[in-house]
PDB file of N, CA and C in Angstrom:
ATOM      1  N   MET A   1     125.425  84.053 123.365  1.00  0.00           N
ATOM      2  CA  MET A   1     124.682  82.952 123.886  1.00  0.00           C
ATOM      3  C   MET A   1     123.344  82.552 123.004  1.00  0.00           C
ATOM      4  N   LEU A   2     122.590  83.617 122.687  1.00  0.00           N
ATOM      5  CA  LEU A   2     121.434  83.375 121.990  1.00  0.00           C
ATOM      6  C   LEU A   2     121.788  82.720 120.598  1.00  0.00           C
ATOM      7  N   ILE A   3     122.733  83.253 119.835  1.00  0.00           N
ATOM      8  CA  ILE A   3     122.972  82.688 118.596  1.00  0.00           C
ATOM      9  C   ILE A   3     123.586  81.259 118.706  1.00  0.00           C
ATOM     10  N   HIS A   4     124.420  81.070 119.725  1.00  0.00           N
ATOM     11  CA  HIS A   4     124.985  79.843 119.953  1.00  0.00           C
ATOM     12  C   HIS A   4     123.850  78.865 120.304  1.00  0.00           C
ATOM     13  N   ASP A   5     122.945  79.159 121.122  1.00  0.00           N
ATOM     14  CA  ASP A   5     121.844  78.292 121.532  1.00  0.00           C
ATOM     15  C   ASP A   5     120.938  77.956 120.285  1.00  0.00           C
ATOM     16  N   TYR A   6     120.681  78.858 119.462  1.00  0.00           N
ATOM     17  CA  TYR A   6     119.914  78.747 118.305  1.00  0.00           C
ATOM     18  C   TYR A   6     120.520  77.737 117.336  1.00  0.00           C
ATOM     19  N   VAL A   7     121.779  77.927 117.122  1.00  0.00           N
ATOM     20  CA  VAL A   7     122.594  77.033 116.211  1.00  0.00           C
ATOM     21  C   VAL A   7     122.687  75.694 116.790  1.00  0.00           C
ATOM     22  N   ALA A   8     122.661  75.542 118.173  1.00  0.00           N
ATOM     23  CA  ALA A   8     122.750  74.315 118.743  1.00  0.00           C
ATOM     24  C   ALA A   8     121.430  73.513 118.696  1.00  0.00           C
ATOM     25  N   GLY A   9     120.309  74.183 118.368  1.00  0.00           N
ATOM     26  CA  GLY A   9     119.083  73.533 118.196  1.00  0.00           C
ATOM     27  C   GLY A   9     117.875  74.158 118.953  1.00  0.00           C
ATOM     28  N   ALA A  10     118.099  75.178 119.733  1.00  0.00           N
ATOM     29  CA  ALA A  10     116.919  75.809 120.275  1.00  0.00           C
ATOM     30  C   ALA A  10     116.019  76.443 119.345  1.00  0.00           C
ATOM     31  N   THR A  11     114.747  76.440 119.598  1.00  0.00           N
ATOM     32  CA  THR A  11     113.780  77.084 118.686  1.00  0.00           C
ATOM     33  C   THR A  11     113.618  78.474 119.010  1.00  0.00           C
ATOM     34  N   THR A  12     113.138  79.317 118.173  1.00  0.00           N
ATOM     35  CA  THR A  12     112.918  80.795 118.399  1.00  0.00           C
ATOM     36  C   THR A  12     111.958  80.978 119.506  1.00  0.00           C
ATOM     37  N   TYR A  13     110.937  80.033 119.698  1.00  0.00           N
ATOM     38  CA  TYR A  13     110.006  80.103 120.747  1.00  0.00           C
ATOM     39  C   TYR A  13     110.708  79.793 122.093  1.00  0.00           C
ATOM     40  N   GLU A  14     111.482  78.846 122.161  1.00  0.00           N
ATOM     41  CA  GLU A  14     112.255  78.625 123.382  1.00  0.00           C
ATOM     42  C   GLU A  14     113.192  79.789 123.773  1.00  0.00           C
ATOM     43  N   LEU A  15     113.796  80.373 122.831  1.00  0.00           N
ATOM     44  CA  LEU A  15     114.702  81.455 123.108  1.00  0.00           C
ATOM     45  C   LEU A  15     113.929  82.684 123.533  1.00  0.00           C
ATOM     46  N   SER A  16     112.724  82.875 122.951  1.00  0.00           N
ATOM     47  CA  SER A  16     111.938  84.118 123.269  1.00  0.00           C
ATOM     48  C   SER A  16     111.493  83.928 124.697  1.00  0.00           C
ATOM     49  N   ASN A  17     111.156  82.737 125.152  1.00  0.00           N
ATOM     50  CA  ASN A  17     110.710  82.462 126.502  1.00  0.00           C
ATOM     51  C   ASN A  17     111.921  82.619 127.436  1.00  0.00           C
ATOM     52  N   ARG A  18     112.915  82.216 127.022  1.00  0.00           N
ATOM     53  CA  ARG A  18     114.237  82.291 127.932  1.00  0.00           C
ATOM     54  C   ARG A  18     114.709  83.727 128.086  1.00  0.00           C
ATOM     55  N   PHE A  19     114.623  84.488 127.017  1.00  0.00           N
ATOM     56  CA  PHE A  19     115.156  85.911 127.068  1.00  0.00           C
ATOM     57  C   PHE A  19     114.053  86.915 127.356  1.00  0.00           C
ATOM     58  N   GLY A  20     112.757  86.424 127.427  1.00  0.00           N
ATOM     59  CA  GLY A  20     111.694  87.403 127.719  1.00  0.00           C
ATOM     60  C   GLY A  20     111.436  88.418 126.635  1.00  0.00           C
ATOM     61  N   VAL A  21     111.605  87.975 125.376  1.00  0.00           N
ATOM     62  CA  VAL A  21     111.237  88.906 124.287  1.00  0.00           C
ATOM     63  C   VAL A  21     110.384  88.163 123.238  1.00  0.00           C
ATOM     64  N   ASP A  22     109.875  88.931 122.285  1.00  0.00           N
ATOM     65  CA  ASP A  22     109.063  88.292 121.288  1.00  0.00           C
ATOM     66  C   ASP A  22     109.798  87.381 120.377  1.00  0.00           C
ATOM     67  N   ARG A  23     109.208  86.373 119.792  1.00  0.00           N
ATOM     68  CA  ARG A  23     109.843  85.466 118.858  1.00  0.00           C
ATOM     69  C   ARG A  23     110.332  86.232 117.712  1.00  0.00           C
ATOM     70  N   ARG A  24     109.615  87.314 117.303  1.00  0.00           N
ATOM     71  CA  ARG A  24     110.110  88.134 116.094  1.00  0.00           C
ATOM     72  C   ARG A  24     111.480  88.874 116.385  1.00  0.00           C
ATOM     73  N   THR A  25     111.526  89.223 117.690  1.00  0.00           N
ATOM     74  CA  THR A  25     112.847  89.843 118.041  1.00  0.00           C
ATOM     75  C   THR A  25     113.950  88.964 117.940  1.00  0.00           C
ATOM     76  N   ILE A  26     113.814  87.779 118.315  1.00  0.00           N
ATOM     77  CA  ILE A  26     114.797  86.767 118.254  1.00  0.00           C
ATOM     78  C   ILE A  26     115.161  86.456 116.809  1.00  0.00           C
ATOM     79  N   SER A  27     114.154  86.313 115.957  1.00  0.00           N
ATOM     80  CA  SER A  27     114.385  86.233 114.460  1.00  0.00           C
ATOM     81  C   SER A  27     115.112  87.324 113.873  1.00  0.00           C
ATOM     82  N   ALA A  28     114.840  88.619 114.304  1.00  0.00           N
ATOM     83  CA  ALA A  28     115.503  89.818 113.811  1.00  0.00           C
ATOM     84  C   ALA A  28     116.918  89.771 114.260  1.00  0.00           C
ATOM     85  N   ILE A  29     117.244  89.461 115.435  1.00  0.00           N
ATOM     86  CA  ILE A  29     118.563  89.318 115.900  1.00  0.00           C
ATOM     87  C   ILE A  29     119.396  88.309 115.098  1.00  0.00           C
ATOM     88  N   LEU A  30     118.833  87.104 114.898  1.00  0.00           N
ATOM     89  CA  LEU A  30     119.399  86.154 114.148  1.00  0.00           C
ATOM     90  C   LEU A  30     119.640  86.601 112.677  1.00  0.00           C
ATOM     91  N   ASP A  31     118.711  87.368 112.183  1.00  0.00           N
ATOM     92  CA  ASP A  31     118.895  87.851 110.758  1.00  0.00           C
ATOM     93  C   ASP A  31     119.913  88.844 110.620  1.00  0.00           C
ATOM     94  N   ARG A  32     119.999  89.699 111.700  1.00  0.00           N
ATOM     95  CA  ARG A  32     121.108  90.814 111.750  1.00  0.00           C
ATOM     96  C   ARG A  32     122.417  90.259 111.897  1.00  0.00           C
ATOM     97  N   HIS A  33     122.611  88.994 112.310  1.00  0.00           N
ATOM     98  CA  HIS A  33     123.849  88.388 112.384  1.00  0.00           C
ATOM     99  C   HIS A  33     123.955  87.287 111.329  1.00  0.00           C
ATOM    100  N   ASP A  34     123.267  87.299 110.315  1.00  0.00           N
ATOM    101  CA  ASP A  34     123.329  86.410 109.140  1.00  0.00           C
ATOM    102  C   ASP A  34     123.354  84.991 109.564  1.00  0.00           C
ATOM    103  N   VAL A  35     122.495  84.638 110.631  1.00  0.00           N
ATOM    104  CA  VAL A  35     122.330  83.289 110.948  1.00  0.00           C
ATOM    105  C   VAL A  35     121.174  82.683 110.195  1.00  0.00           C
ATOM    106  N   PRO A  36     121.409  81.633 109.345  1.00  0.00           N
ATOM    107  CA  PRO A  36     120.378  81.027 108.557  1.00  0.00           C
ATOM    108  C   PRO A  36     119.251  80.462 109.489  1.00  0.00           C
ATOM    109  N   MET A  37     118.027  80.684 109.063  1.00  0.00           N
ATOM    110  CA  MET A  37     116.897  80.262 109.898  1.00  0.00           C
ATOM    111  C   MET A  37     116.562  78.783 109.474  1.00  0.00           C
ATOM    112  N   ARG A  38     116.180  78.029 110.444  1.00  0.00           N
ATOM    113  CA  ARG A  38     115.745  76.675 110.134  1.00  0.00           C
ATOM    114  C   ARG A  38     114.207  76.728 109.872  1.00  0.00           C
ATOM    115  N   ARG A  39     113.983  75.929 108.741  1.00  0.00           N
ATOM    116  CA  ARG A  39     112.527  75.747 108.449  1.00  0.00           C
ATOM    117  C   ARG A  39     112.276  74.302 108.486  1.00  0.00           C
ATOM    118  N   ARG A  40     111.349  73.967 109.392  1.00  0.00           N
ATOM    119  CA  ARG A  40     110.986  72.618 109.540  1.00  0.00           C
ATOM    120  C   ARG A  40     109.628  72.332 108.783  1.00  0.00           C
ATOM    121  N   GLY A  41     109.842  71.312 107.889  1.00  0.00           N
ATOM    122  CA  GLY A  41     108.576  70.969 107.192  1.00  0.00           C
ATOM    123  C   GLY A  41     107.859  69.794 108.041  1.00  0.00           C
ATOM    124  N   LEU A  42     106.751  69.414 107.463  1.00  0.00           N
ATOM    125  CA  LEU A  42     106.017  68.281 108.130  1.00  0.00           C
ATOM    126  C   LEU A  42     106.710  66.945 107.717  1.00  0.00           C
ATOM    127  N   SER A  43     106.541  66.020 108.689  1.00  0.00           N
ATOM    128  CA  SER A  43     107.051  64.639 108.392  1.00  0.00           C
ATOM    129  C   SER A  43     106.008  63.983 107.590  1.00  0.00           C
ATOM    130  N   PRO A  44     106.402  63.002 106.913  1.00  0.00           N
ATOM    131  CA  PRO A  44     105.342  62.222 106.047  1.00  0.00           C
ATOM    132  C   PRO A  44     104.032  61.876 106.828  1.00  0.00           C
ATOM    133  N   ASP A  45     104.204  61.428 108.153  1.00  0.00           N
ATOM    134  CA  ASP A  45     103.109  61.188 108.952  1.00  0.00           C
ATOM    135  C   ASP A  45     102.158  62.349 109.227  1.00  0.00           C
ATOM    136  N   GLN A  46     102.839  63.392 109.451  1.00  0.00           N
ATOM    137  CA  GLN A  46     102.093  64.741 109.756  1.00  0.00           C
ATOM    138  C   GLN A  46     101.269  65.226 108.548  1.00  0.00           C
ATOM    139  N   THR A  47     101.944  65.038 107.415  1.00  0.00           N
ATOM    140  CA  THR A  47     101.338  65.447 106.119  1.00  0.00           C
ATOM    141  C   THR A  47     100.111  64.521 105.850  1.00  0.00           C
ATOM    142  N   ASP A  48     100.326  63.259 106.065  1.00  0.00           N
ATOM    143  CA  ASP A  48      99.137  62.399 105.796  1.00  0.00           C
ATOM    144  C   ASP A  48      97.972  62.583 106.837  1.00  0.00           C
ATOM    145  N   GLU A  49      98.350  63.052 108.081  1.00  0.00           N
ATOM    146  CA  GLU A  49      97.264  63.390 108.967  1.00  0.00           C
ATOM    147  C   GLU A  49      96.568  64.657 108.682  1.00  0.00           C
ATOM    148  N   ALA A  50      97.316  65.601 108.162  1.00  0.00           N
ATOM    149  CA  ALA A  50      96.747  66.948 107.841  1.00  0.00           C
ATOM    150  C   ALA A  50      95.833  66.721 106.592  1.00  0.00           C
ATOM    151  N   ILE A  51      96.327  65.956 105.626  1.00  0.00           N
ATOM    152  CA  ILE A  51      95.430  65.641 104.432  1.00  0.00           C
ATOM    153  C   ILE A  51      94.090  64.941 104.888  1.00  0.00           C
ATOM    154  N   ARG A  52      94.313  63.921 105.771  1.00  0.00           N
ATOM    155  CA  ARG A  52      93.070  63.140 106.227  1.00  0.00           C
ATOM    156  C   ARG A  52      92.063  64.094 106.908  1.00  0.00           C
ATOM    157  N   LEU A  53      92.521  64.942 107.823  1.00  0.00           N
ATOM    158  CA  LEU A  53      91.636  65.925 108.505  1.00  0.00           C
ATOM    159  C   LEU A  53      90.919  66.857 107.535  1.00  0.00           C
ATOM    160  N   TYR A  54      91.785  67.300 106.658  1.00  0.00           N
ATOM    161  CA  TYR A  54      91.286  68.224 105.639  1.00  0.00           C
ATOM    162  C   TYR A  54      90.195  67.617 104.733  1.00  0.00           C
ATOM    163  N   ARG A  55      90.387  66.382 104.382  1.00  0.00           N
ATOM    164  CA  ARG A  55      89.400  65.596 103.572  1.00  0.00           C
ATOM    165  C   ARG A  55      88.176  65.290 104.324  1.00  0.00           C
ATOM    166  N   LEU A  56      88.225  65.349 105.738  1.00  0.00           N
ATOM    167  CA  LEU A  56      87.062  65.070 106.504  1.00  0.00           C
ATOM    168  C   LEU A  56      86.321  66.357 106.744  1.00  0.00           C
ATOM    169  N   GLY A  57      86.799  67.422 106.093  1.00  0.00           N
ATOM    170  CA  GLY A  57      86.021  68.694 106.127  1.00  0.00           C
ATOM    171  C   GLY A  57      86.517  69.694 107.110  1.00  0.00           C
ATOM    172  N   TRP A  58      87.648  69.415 107.723  1.00  0.00           N
ATOM    173  CA  TRP A  58      88.197  70.413 108.711  1.00  0.00           C
ATOM    174  C   TRP A  58      88.713  71.566 107.921  1.00  0.00           C
ATOM    175  N   SER A  59      88.579  72.803 108.517  1.00  0.00           N
ATOM    176  CA  SER A  59      89.199  73.983 107.879  1.00  0.00           C
ATOM    177  C   SER A  59      90.697  73.891 108.033  1.00  0.00           C
ATOM    178  N   LEU A  60      91.549  74.578 107.268  1.00  0.00           N
ATOM    179  CA  LEU A  60      92.898  74.708 107.403  1.00  0.00           C
ATOM    180  C   LEU A  60      93.332  75.189 108.739  1.00  0.00           C
ATOM    181  N   ALA A  61      92.544  76.244 109.310  1.00  0.00           N
ATOM    182  CA  ALA A  61      92.828  76.817 110.605  1.00  0.00           C
ATOM    183  C   ALA A  61      92.555  75.701 111.668  1.00  0.00           C
ATOM    184  N   ARG A  62      91.578  74.880 111.508  1.00  0.00           N
ATOM    185  CA  ARG A  62      91.353  73.876 112.593  1.00  0.00           C
ATOM    186  C   ARG A  62      92.469  72.737 112.526  1.00  0.00           C
ATOM    187  N   VAL A  63      92.845  72.379 111.335  1.00  0.00           N
ATOM    188  CA  VAL A  63      93.903  71.461 111.115  1.00  0.00           C
ATOM    189  C   VAL A  63      95.235  71.940 111.765  1.00  0.00           C
ATOM    190  N   GLY A  64      95.523  73.266 111.549  1.00  0.00           N
ATOM    191  CA  GLY A  64      96.706  73.856 112.060  1.00  0.00           C
ATOM    192  C   GLY A  64      96.657  74.030 113.604  1.00  0.00           C
ATOM    193  N   ASN A  65      95.491  73.953 114.204  1.00  0.00           N
ATOM    194  CA  ASN A  65      95.340  74.060 115.662  1.00  0.00           C
ATOM    195  C   ASN A  65      94.986  72.755 116.359  1.00  0.00           C
ATOM    196  N   THR A  66      95.416  71.635 115.675  1.00  0.00           N
ATOM    197  CA  THR A  66      95.257  70.347 116.328  1.00  0.00           C
ATOM    198  C   THR A  66      95.985  70.189 117.563  1.00  0.00           C
ATOM    199  N   SER A  67      95.485  69.318 118.478  1.00  0.00           N
ATOM    200  CA  SER A  67      96.183  69.059 119.708  1.00  0.00           C
ATOM    201  C   SER A  67      96.335  67.567 119.844  1.00  0.00           C
ATOM    202  N   PRO A  68      97.503  67.056 119.928  1.00  0.00           N
ATOM    203  CA  PRO A  68      98.737  67.671 119.818  1.00  0.00           C
ATOM    204  C   PRO A  68      98.986  68.349 118.447  1.00  0.00           C
ATOM    205  N   PRO A  69      99.793  69.365 118.327  1.00  0.00           N
ATOM    206  CA  PRO A  69      99.922  70.113 117.098  1.00  0.00           C
ATOM    207  C   PRO A  69     100.500  69.218 115.968  1.00  0.00           C
ATOM    208  N   ILE A  70     100.050  69.292 114.805  1.00  0.00           N
ATOM    209  CA  ILE A  70     100.682  68.658 113.625  1.00  0.00           C
ATOM    210  C   ILE A  70     101.892  69.483 113.277  1.00  0.00           C
ATOM    211  N   TRP A  71     101.862  70.759 113.409  1.00  0.00           N
ATOM    212  CA  TRP A  71     102.934  71.662 112.922  1.00  0.00           C
ATOM    213  C   TRP A  71     103.943  71.752 114.007  1.00  0.00           C
ATOM    214  N   PRO A  72     105.289  71.511 113.579  1.00  0.00           N
ATOM    215  CA  PRO A  72     106.355  71.684 114.534  1.00  0.00           C
ATOM    216  C   PRO A  72     106.647  73.217 114.888  1.00  0.00           C
ATOM    217  N   PRO A  73     107.163  73.516 116.076  1.00  0.00           N
ATOM    218  CA  PRO A  73     107.473  74.916 116.265  1.00  0.00           C
ATOM    219  C   PRO A  73     108.769  75.339 115.508  1.00  0.00           C
ATOM    220  N   CYS A  74     108.840  76.660 115.211  1.00  0.00           N
ATOM    221  CA  CYS A  74     109.969  77.327 114.478  1.00  0.00           C
ATOM    222  C   CYS A  74     110.985  77.812 115.417  1.00  0.00           C
TER     223      CYS A  74
END
């Protein structure tokens, strides 16, 4: 079920909440079963916003912790 749900689009964070384990445990299980991990990059709009905030003097940590988040969940 875990592998099926991940392949169907659930994130490791969603699965960790659903199964009550750490996200890294979910990743380890997927790796053990040779399930390729999804890596989501930023959309062009998110990239532009991150650049804009960084140029305003924001630290990378602050940019990464924006609300709503610029970075998509893994």
